[in-house]
C-alpha atoms as a PDB file:
ATOM      1  CA  MET A   1       0.093  -0.230   0.308  1.00  0.00           C
ATOM      2  CA  ALA A   2       2.932   2.428   0.677  1.00  0.00           C
ATOM      3  CA  GLY A   3       3.953   2.066  -3.176  1.00  0.00           C
ATOM      4  CA  SER A   4       0.314   2.774  -3.926  1.00  0.00           C
ATOM      5  CA  GLY A   5       0.504   5.926  -1.666  1.00  0.00           C
ATOM      6  CA  GLU A   6       4.202   6.769  -3.273  1.00  0.00           C
ATOM      7  CA  GLU A   7       2.288   6.653  -6.451  1.00  0.00           C
ATOM      8  CA  SER A   8      -0.737   8.785  -6.152  1.00  0.00           C
ATOM      9  CA  LYS A   9       1.377  11.300  -4.964  1.00  0.00           C
ATOM     10  CA  LYS A  10       3.603  11.509  -8.143  1.00  0.00           C
ATOM     11  CA  MET A  11       3.103  14.372 -10.404  1.00  0.00           C
ATOM     12  CA  LYS A  12       1.280  13.789 -13.914  1.00  0.00           C
ATOM     13  CA  LEU A  13       2.444  15.305 -17.052  1.00  0.00           C
ATOM     14  CA  TYR A  14      -0.275  15.402 -19.835  1.00  0.00           C
ATOM     15  CA  SER A  15       1.878  15.350 -22.944  1.00  0.00           C
ATOM     16  CA  TYR A  16       1.731  14.320 -26.312  1.00  0.00           C
ATOM     17  CA  TRP A  17       4.752  13.039 -27.697  1.00  0.00           C
ATOM     18  CA  ARG A  18       5.593  15.761 -30.590  1.00  0.00           C
ATOM     19  CA  SER A  19       4.468  18.647 -28.706  1.00  0.00           C
ATOM     20  CA  SER A  20       7.633  21.011 -28.184  1.00  0.00           C
ATOM     21  CA  CYS A  21       5.291  22.878 -25.082  1.00  0.00           C
ATOM     22  CA  ALA A  22       5.360  19.402 -23.347  1.00  0.00           C
ATOM     23  CA  PHE A  23       9.148  18.865 -24.651  1.00  0.00           C
ATOM     24  CA  ARG A  24       9.957  21.913 -22.757  1.00  0.00           C
ATOM     25  CA  VAL A  25       8.547  21.002 -19.779  1.00  0.00           C
ATOM     26  CA  ARG A  26       9.655  17.459 -19.818  1.00  0.00           C
ATOM     27  CA  ILE A  27      13.428  18.709 -19.758  1.00  0.00           C
ATOM     28  CA  ALA A  28      12.618  20.941 -16.926  1.00  0.00           C
ATOM     29  CA  LEU A  29      11.481  18.010 -14.563  1.00  0.00           C
ATOM     30  CA  ASN A  30      14.367  15.756 -16.037  1.00  0.00           C
ATOM     31  CA  LEU A  31      16.514  18.866 -14.735  1.00  0.00           C
ATOM     32  CA  LYS A  32      15.014  18.991 -11.397  1.00  0.00           C
ATOM     33  CA  GLY A  33      15.346  15.705 -11.008  1.00  0.00           C
ATOM     34  CA  LEU A  34      11.300  15.348 -10.607  1.00  0.00           C
ATOM     35  CA  GLU A  35       9.496  11.802 -11.373  1.00  0.00           C
ATOM     36  CA  TYR A  36       6.292  12.073 -13.097  1.00  0.00           C
ATOM     37  CA  GLU A  37       3.639   9.626 -14.509  1.00  0.00           C
ATOM     38  CA  TYR A  38       3.111  10.708 -18.401  1.00  0.00           C
ATOM     39  CA  LYS A  39      -0.342  10.943 -19.205  1.00  0.00           C
ATOM     40  CA  ALA A  40      -0.498  10.878 -23.331  1.00  0.00           C
ATOM     41  CA  VAL A  41      -2.911  12.946 -25.131  1.00  0.00           C
ATOM     42  CA  ASP A  42      -3.202  12.414 -28.817  1.00  0.00           C
ATOM     43  CA  LEU A  43      -3.909  15.303 -30.453  1.00  0.00           C
ATOM     44  CA  LEU A  44      -4.282  13.847 -33.900  1.00  0.00           C
ATOM     45  CA  LYS A  45      -6.932  11.741 -32.515  1.00  0.00           C
ATOM     46  CA  GLY A  46      -8.571  14.891 -30.850  1.00  0.00           C
ATOM     47  CA  GLU A  47      -8.218  13.400 -27.221  1.00  0.00           C
ATOM     48  CA  GLN A  48      -7.445  17.396 -26.048  1.00  0.00           C
ATOM     49  CA  THR A  49     -10.972  17.942 -26.944  1.00  0.00           C
ATOM     50  CA  ASP A  50     -12.158  15.302 -24.422  1.00  0.00           C
ATOM     51  CA  PRO A  51     -14.636  16.764 -21.610  1.00  0.00           C
ATOM     52  CA  GLU A  52     -12.458  15.257 -18.903  1.00  0.00           C
ATOM     53  CA  TYR A  53      -9.459  16.761 -20.387  1.00  0.00           C
ATOM     54  CA  LEU A  54     -11.440  19.921 -20.447  1.00  0.00           C
ATOM     55  CA  LYS A  55     -11.663  20.026 -16.727  1.00  0.00           C
ATOM     56  CA  LEU A  56      -7.858  19.969 -16.352  1.00  0.00           C
ATOM     57  CA  ASN A  57      -7.228  22.257 -19.104  1.00  0.00           C
ATOM     58  CA  PRO A  58     -10.156  24.365 -20.644  1.00  0.00           C
ATOM     59  CA  LEU A  59      -8.500  25.403 -23.691  1.00  0.00           C
ATOM     60  CA  GLY A  60      -7.776  22.016 -24.804  1.00  0.00           C
ATOM     61  CA  TYR A  61      -3.695  21.949 -25.271  1.00  0.00           C
ATOM     62  CA  VAL A  62      -0.974  20.423 -23.868  1.00  0.00           C
ATOM     63  CA  PRO A  63       0.828  20.115 -21.615  1.00  0.00           C
ATOM     64  CA  THR A  64      -1.069  19.870 -18.630  1.00  0.00           C
ATOM     65  CA  LEU A  65       0.722  19.293 -15.242  1.00  0.00           C
ATOM     66  CA  VAL A  66      -0.803  17.884 -11.944  1.00  0.00           C
ATOM     67  CA  ASP A  67       0.897  18.180  -8.729  1.00  0.00           C
ATOM     68  CA  GLY A  68      -1.216  17.331  -6.103  1.00  0.00           C
ATOM     69  CA  ASP A  69      -4.032  19.688  -6.142  1.00  0.00           C
ATOM     70  CA  ALA A  70      -2.240  22.165  -8.048  1.00  0.00           C
ATOM     71  CA  VAL A  71      -3.323  21.741 -12.200  1.00  0.00           C
ATOM     72  CA  ILE A  72      -1.217  24.057 -14.370  1.00  0.00           C
ATOM     73  CA  ALA A  73      -2.139  24.169 -17.822  1.00  0.00           C
ATOM     74  CA  ASP A  74       0.854  26.038 -20.428  1.00  0.00           C
ATOM     75  CA  SER A  75       4.260  25.521 -20.594  1.00  0.00           C
ATOM     76  CA  PHE A  76       5.589  28.796 -19.331  1.00  0.00           C
ATOM     77  CA  ALA A  77       3.154  28.915 -16.170  1.00  0.00           C
ATOM     78  CA  ILE A  78       4.534  24.738 -15.592  1.00  0.00           C
ATOM     79  CA  ILE A  79       8.213  25.827 -15.746  1.00  0.00           C
ATOM     80  CA  MET A  80       7.341  29.002 -13.468  1.00  0.00           C
ATOM     81  CA  TYR A  81       5.576  26.714 -10.527  1.00  0.00           C
ATOM     82  CA  LEU A  82       8.198  24.104 -11.002  1.00  0.00           C
ATOM     83  CA  GLU A  83      11.190  26.878 -10.603  1.00  0.00           C
ATOM     84  CA  GLU A  84       9.242  28.295  -7.542  1.00  0.00           C
ATOM     85  CA  LYS A  85       8.253  25.255  -5.743  1.00  0.00           C
ATOM     86  CA  TYR A  86      11.512  23.397  -6.455  1.00  0.00           C
ATOM     87  CA  PRO A  87      14.390  25.575  -6.541  1.00  0.00           C
ATOM     88  CA  LEU A  88      17.129  22.933  -7.035  1.00  0.00           C
ATOM     89  CA  GLN A  89      18.657  23.220 -10.351  1.00  0.00           C
ATOM     90  CA  ALA A  90      17.523  26.770 -10.830  1.00  0.00           C
ATOM     91  CA  LEU A  91      16.108  27.253 -14.285  1.00  0.00           C
ATOM     92  CA  LEU A  92      16.455  31.296 -13.929  1.00  0.00           C
ATOM     93  CA  PRO A  93      19.717  33.346 -13.121  1.00  0.00           C
ATOM     94  CA  GLN A  94      20.432  35.570 -10.228  1.00  0.00           C
ATOM     95  CA  ASP A  95      21.513  38.544 -12.489  1.00  0.00           C
ATOM     96  CA  CYS A  96      18.694  40.509 -12.912  1.00  0.00           C
ATOM     97  CA  GLN A  97      19.640  41.494 -16.691  1.00  0.00           C
ATOM     98  CA  GLU A  98      20.369  37.826 -17.271  1.00  0.00           C
ATOM     99  CA  LYS A  99      17.292  36.828 -16.240  1.00  0.00           C
ATOM    100  CA  ALA A 100      15.357  39.424 -18.456  1.00  0.00           C
ATOM    101  CA  ILE A 101      17.180  37.769 -21.627  1.00  0.00           C
ATOM    102  CA  ASN A 102      15.917  34.307 -20.479  1.00  0.00           C
ATOM    103  CA  TYR A 103      12.502  35.895 -20.498  1.00  0.00           C
ATOM    104  CA  GLN A 104      12.713  37.453 -23.709  1.00  0.00           C
ATOM    105  CA  ALA A 105      14.243  34.354 -25.658  1.00  0.00           C
ATOM    106  CA  ALA A 106      11.622  32.196 -23.886  1.00  0.00           C
ATOM    107  CA  ASN A 107       8.970  34.946 -24.942  1.00  0.00           C
ATOM    108  CA  ILE A 108       9.977  34.670 -28.878  1.00  0.00           C
ATOM    109  CA  VAL A 109       9.818  31.121 -28.976  1.00  0.00           C
ATOM    110  CA  SER A 110       6.441  30.997 -27.624  1.00  0.00           C
ATOM    111  CA  ALA A 111       4.690  33.849 -28.722  1.00  0.00           C
ATOM    112  CA  ASN A 112       6.482  34.502 -32.114  1.00  0.00           C
ATOM    113  CA  ILE A 113       7.404  30.984 -33.434  1.00  0.00           C
ATOM    114  CA  GLN A 114       5.519  28.065 -31.601  1.00  0.00           C
ATOM    115  CA  SER A 115       2.275  29.736 -31.843  1.00  0.00           C
ATOM    116  CA  LEU A 116       2.476  30.135 -35.124  1.00  0.00           C
ATOM    117  CA  GLN A 117       3.502  26.626 -36.012  1.00  0.00           C
ATOM    118  CA  ASN A 118       1.014  24.526 -33.893  1.00  0.00           C
ATOM    119  CA  LEU A 119      -1.034  22.065 -35.046  1.00  0.00           C
ATOM    120  CA  VAL A 120      -4.287  24.498 -34.982  1.00  0.00           C
ATOM    121  CA  ILE A 121      -2.712  26.974 -37.376  1.00  0.00           C
ATOM    122  CA  LEU A 122      -1.236  24.654 -39.490  1.00  0.00           C
ATOM    123  CA  LYS A 123      -4.132  22.850 -40.108  1.00  0.00           C
ATOM    124  CA  TYR A 124      -6.106  26.442 -40.609  1.00  0.00           C
ATOM    125  CA  ILE A 125      -3.207  27.174 -43.394  1.00  0.00           C
ATOM    126  CA  GLN A 126      -3.381  23.613 -45.171  1.00  0.00           C
ATOM    127  CA  GLU A 127      -7.424  23.928 -45.400  1.00  0.00           C
ATOM    128  CA  LYS A 128      -7.631  28.088 -46.424  1.00  0.00           C
ATOM    129  CA  VAL A 129      -4.658  28.466 -48.127  1.00  0.00           C
ATOM    130  CA  GLY A 130      -3.155  25.458 -49.381  1.00  0.00           C
ATOM    131  CA  PRO A 131      -1.832  21.726 -48.678  1.00  0.00           C
ATOM    132  CA  ASN A 132       1.329  22.702 -49.544  1.00  0.00           C
ATOM    133  CA  GLU A 133       1.769  25.770 -47.672  1.00  0.00           C
ATOM    134  CA  THR A 134       2.234  24.359 -44.454  1.00  0.00           C
ATOM    135  CA  THR A 135       6.062  24.464 -44.386  1.00  0.00           C
ATOM    136  CA  PRO A 136       6.551  27.501 -46.472  1.00  0.00           C
ATOM    137  CA  TRP A 137       4.434  29.345 -43.542  1.00  0.00           C
ATOM    138  CA  ALA A 138       6.316  27.623 -40.731  1.00  0.00           C
ATOM    139  CA  GLN A 139       9.743  28.321 -42.195  1.00  0.00           C
ATOM    140  CA  SER A 140       8.673  32.008 -42.769  1.00  0.00           C
ATOM    141  CA  HIS A 141       7.974  32.823 -39.040  1.00  0.00           C
ATOM    142  CA  ILE A 142      11.010  30.267 -37.700  1.00  0.00           C
ATOM    143  CA  THR A 143      13.270  31.981 -39.384  1.00  0.00           C
ATOM    144  CA  LYS A 144      12.076  35.649 -38.716  1.00  0.00           C
ATOM    145  CA  GLY A 145      11.986  34.369 -34.707  1.00  0.00           C
ATOM    146  CA  PHE A 146      15.929  32.539 -35.089  1.00  0.00           C
ATOM    147  CA  GLU A 147      16.975  36.000 -36.911  1.00  0.00           C
ATOM    148  CA  ALA A 148      16.024  37.842 -33.964  1.00  0.00           C
ATOM    149  CA  LEU A 149      17.351  34.992 -30.974  1.00  0.00           C
ATOM    150  CA  GLU A 150      20.914  35.210 -32.921  1.00  0.00           C
ATOM    151  CA  LYS A 151      21.060  38.678 -32.850  1.00  0.00           C
ATOM    152  CA  LEU A 152      20.081  38.566 -29.020  1.00  0.00           C
ATOM    153  CA  LEU A 153      22.026  36.028 -27.754  1.00  0.00           C
ATOM    154  CA  LYS A 154      24.785  36.513 -29.710  1.00  0.00           C
ATOM    155  CA  ASP A 155      26.522  38.836 -26.896  1.00  0.00           C
ATOM    156  CA  TYR A 156      24.842  36.451 -23.973  1.00  0.00           C
ATOM    157  CA  ALA A 157      25.874  33.005 -25.360  1.00  0.00           C
ATOM    158  CA  GLY A 158      28.441  30.685 -23.493  1.00  0.00           C
ATOM    159  CA  LYS A 159      28.118  27.102 -24.017  1.00  0.00           C
ATOM    160  CA  TYR A 160      24.792  27.344 -23.788  1.00  0.00           C
ATOM    161  CA  ALA A 161      22.212  30.228 -25.028  1.00  0.00           C
ATOM    162  CA  THR A 162      22.967  32.772 -21.780  1.00  0.00           C
ATOM    163  CA  GLY A 163      26.161  31.205 -20.697  1.00  0.00           C
ATOM    164  CA  ASP A 164      27.777  28.225 -19.385  1.00  0.00           C
ATOM    165  CA  GLU A 165      25.115  27.110 -17.483  1.00  0.00           C
ATOM    166  CA  VAL A 166      21.436  25.455 -18.512  1.00  0.00           C
ATOM    167  CA  TYR A 167      18.647  28.397 -17.943  1.00  0.00           C
ATOM    168  CA  MET A 168      15.144  28.777 -19.270  1.00  0.00           C
ATOM    169  CA  ALA A 169      16.080  30.071 -22.704  1.00  0.00           C
ATOM    170  CA  ASP A 170      17.781  26.373 -23.468  1.00  0.00           C
ATOM    171  CA  LEU A 171      14.276  24.740 -22.984  1.00  0.00           C
ATOM    172  CA  PHE A 172      12.739  26.835 -25.242  1.00  0.00           C
ATOM    173  CA  LEU A 173      14.948  26.547 -28.061  1.00  0.00           C
ATOM    174  CA  ALA A 174      16.059  22.934 -27.738  1.00  0.00           C
ATOM    175  CA  PRO A 175      12.416  22.006 -28.536  1.00  0.00           C
ATOM    176  CA  GLN A 176      11.801  24.352 -31.335  1.00  0.00           C
ATOM    177  CA  ILE A 177      15.357  23.658 -33.121  1.00  0.00           C
ATOM    178  CA  TYR A 178      14.433  20.297 -33.073  1.00  0.00           C
ATOM    179  CA  ALA A 179      11.338  20.974 -34.626  1.00  0.00           C
ATOM    180  CA  ALA A 180      12.882  23.298 -37.351  1.00  0.00           C
ATOM    181  CA  ILE A 181      15.217  20.694 -38.447  1.00  0.00           C
ATOM    182  CA  ASN A 182      13.040  17.549 -38.072  1.00  0.00           C
ATOM    183  CA  ARG A 183       9.924  18.885 -39.428  1.00  0.00           C
ATOM    184  CA  PHE A 184      10.010  21.887 -41.075  1.00  0.00           C
ATOM    185  CA  GLU A 185      13.541  21.255 -43.340  1.00  0.00           C
ATOM    186  CA  VAL A 186      15.174  24.946 -42.035  1.00  0.00           C
ATOM    187  CA  ASP A 187      18.642  25.186 -42.671  1.00  0.00           C
ATOM    188  CA  MET A 188      20.358  26.021 -38.899  1.00  0.00           C
ATOM    189  CA  ASN A 189      23.577  27.150 -40.794  1.00  0.00           C
ATOM    190  CA  GLN A 190      22.298  30.380 -41.229  1.00  0.00           C
ATOM    191  CA  PHE A 191      21.792  30.513 -37.513  1.00  0.00           C
ATOM    192  CA  PRO A 192      25.731  29.286 -36.067  1.00  0.00           C
ATOM    193  CA  THR A 193      25.188  30.226 -32.314  1.00  0.00           C
ATOM    194  CA  LEU A 194      21.581  28.390 -32.244  1.00  0.00           C
ATOM    195  CA  LEU A 195      23.106  25.818 -33.920  1.00  0.00           C
ATOM    196  CA  ARG A 196      25.988  25.529 -31.638  1.00  0.00           C
ATOM    197  CA  VAL A 197      24.145  25.735 -28.487  1.00  0.00           C
ATOM    198  CA  TYR A 198      21.585  22.874 -30.053  1.00  0.00           C
ATOM    199  CA  LYS A 199      24.405  20.658 -30.695  1.00  0.00           C
ATOM    200  CA  ALA A 200      25.444  20.968 -26.884  1.00  0.00           C
ATOM    201  CA  TYR A 201      22.198  19.955 -25.618  1.00  0.00           C
ATOM    202  CA  GLN A 202      22.931  16.492 -27.248  1.00  0.00           C
ATOM    203  CA  GLU A 203      25.639  15.972 -24.346  1.00  0.00           C
ATOM    204  CA  LEU A 204      23.002  16.513 -21.307  1.00  0.00           C
ATOM    205  CA  PRO A 205      20.619  13.804 -20.409  1.00  0.00           C
ATOM    206  CA  ALA A 206      17.946  15.831 -19.334  1.00  0.00           C
ATOM    207  CA  PHE A 207      17.360  16.642 -23.015  1.00  0.00           C
ATOM    208  CA  GLN A 208      18.183  13.824 -24.578  1.00  0.00           C
ATOM    209  CA  ASP A 209      15.612  11.547 -22.389  1.00  0.00           C
ATOM    210  CA  ALA A 210      12.883  14.607 -23.081  1.00  0.00           C
ATOM    211  CA  MET A 211      13.001  14.013 -27.043  1.00  0.00           C
ATOM    212  CA  PRO A 212      10.194  13.098 -28.671  1.00  0.00           C
ATOM    213  CA  GLU A 213      11.129   9.705 -30.165  1.00  0.00           C
ATOM    214  CA  LYS A 214      11.814   8.593 -26.639  1.00  0.00           C
ATOM    215  CA  GLN A 215       8.472   9.460 -25.180  1.00  0.00           C
ATOM    216  CA  PRO A 216       6.090   6.094 -24.596  1.00  0.00           C
ATOM    217  CA  ASP A 217       3.176   7.681 -27.014  1.00  0.00           C
ATOM    218  CA  ALA A 218       6.197   8.357 -29.971  1.00  0.00           C
ATOM    219  CA  THR A 219       5.220   6.894 -33.304  1.00  0.00           C
ATOM    220  CA  SER A 220       7.358   6.645 -36.302  1.00  0.00           C
END
């Protein structure tokens, strides 16, 4: 019974293997060494619109984190919650300027890139514009965002995006660069800083274990 009680206390992450937003949160959980139960939500089958799931996340997106009585939707909110409740392995630097750069980089990804290439938007482009227009659409917004990130980070980047420690900016960059390369055929050679830090992520187990293809609901 003791084991059952511990299992019930374990955090639950409602995730879809290919979601870059869920990918960010998986990295954060791994970095902080937090165990969680993976709850797959198949976006292609429309499981995000199931009434029971909508009770947890009224917007019908992933990820959603359940930690005891706390239910948090939206990757940014989840990461900030984890940072405050589980401060070990800080995801933000102490310096206020460096912290602001991390917020800015994360926001460029979440508000100006990923939100314009998510499943809902790409389906709309496919239906309203044309079936061959989704990749050019995504490439355009990824390129614009990456150009801004390349300029923003060039004076701050060390081994990682804002220095030699992994912080919030890296959590947002890694999934977005992964998607740019593996889904949208973006040539990363035009973004040398971003490509360099992305290669550094390949050496980190917390990032590698969070990769889409390693998730229990991954398909080929």
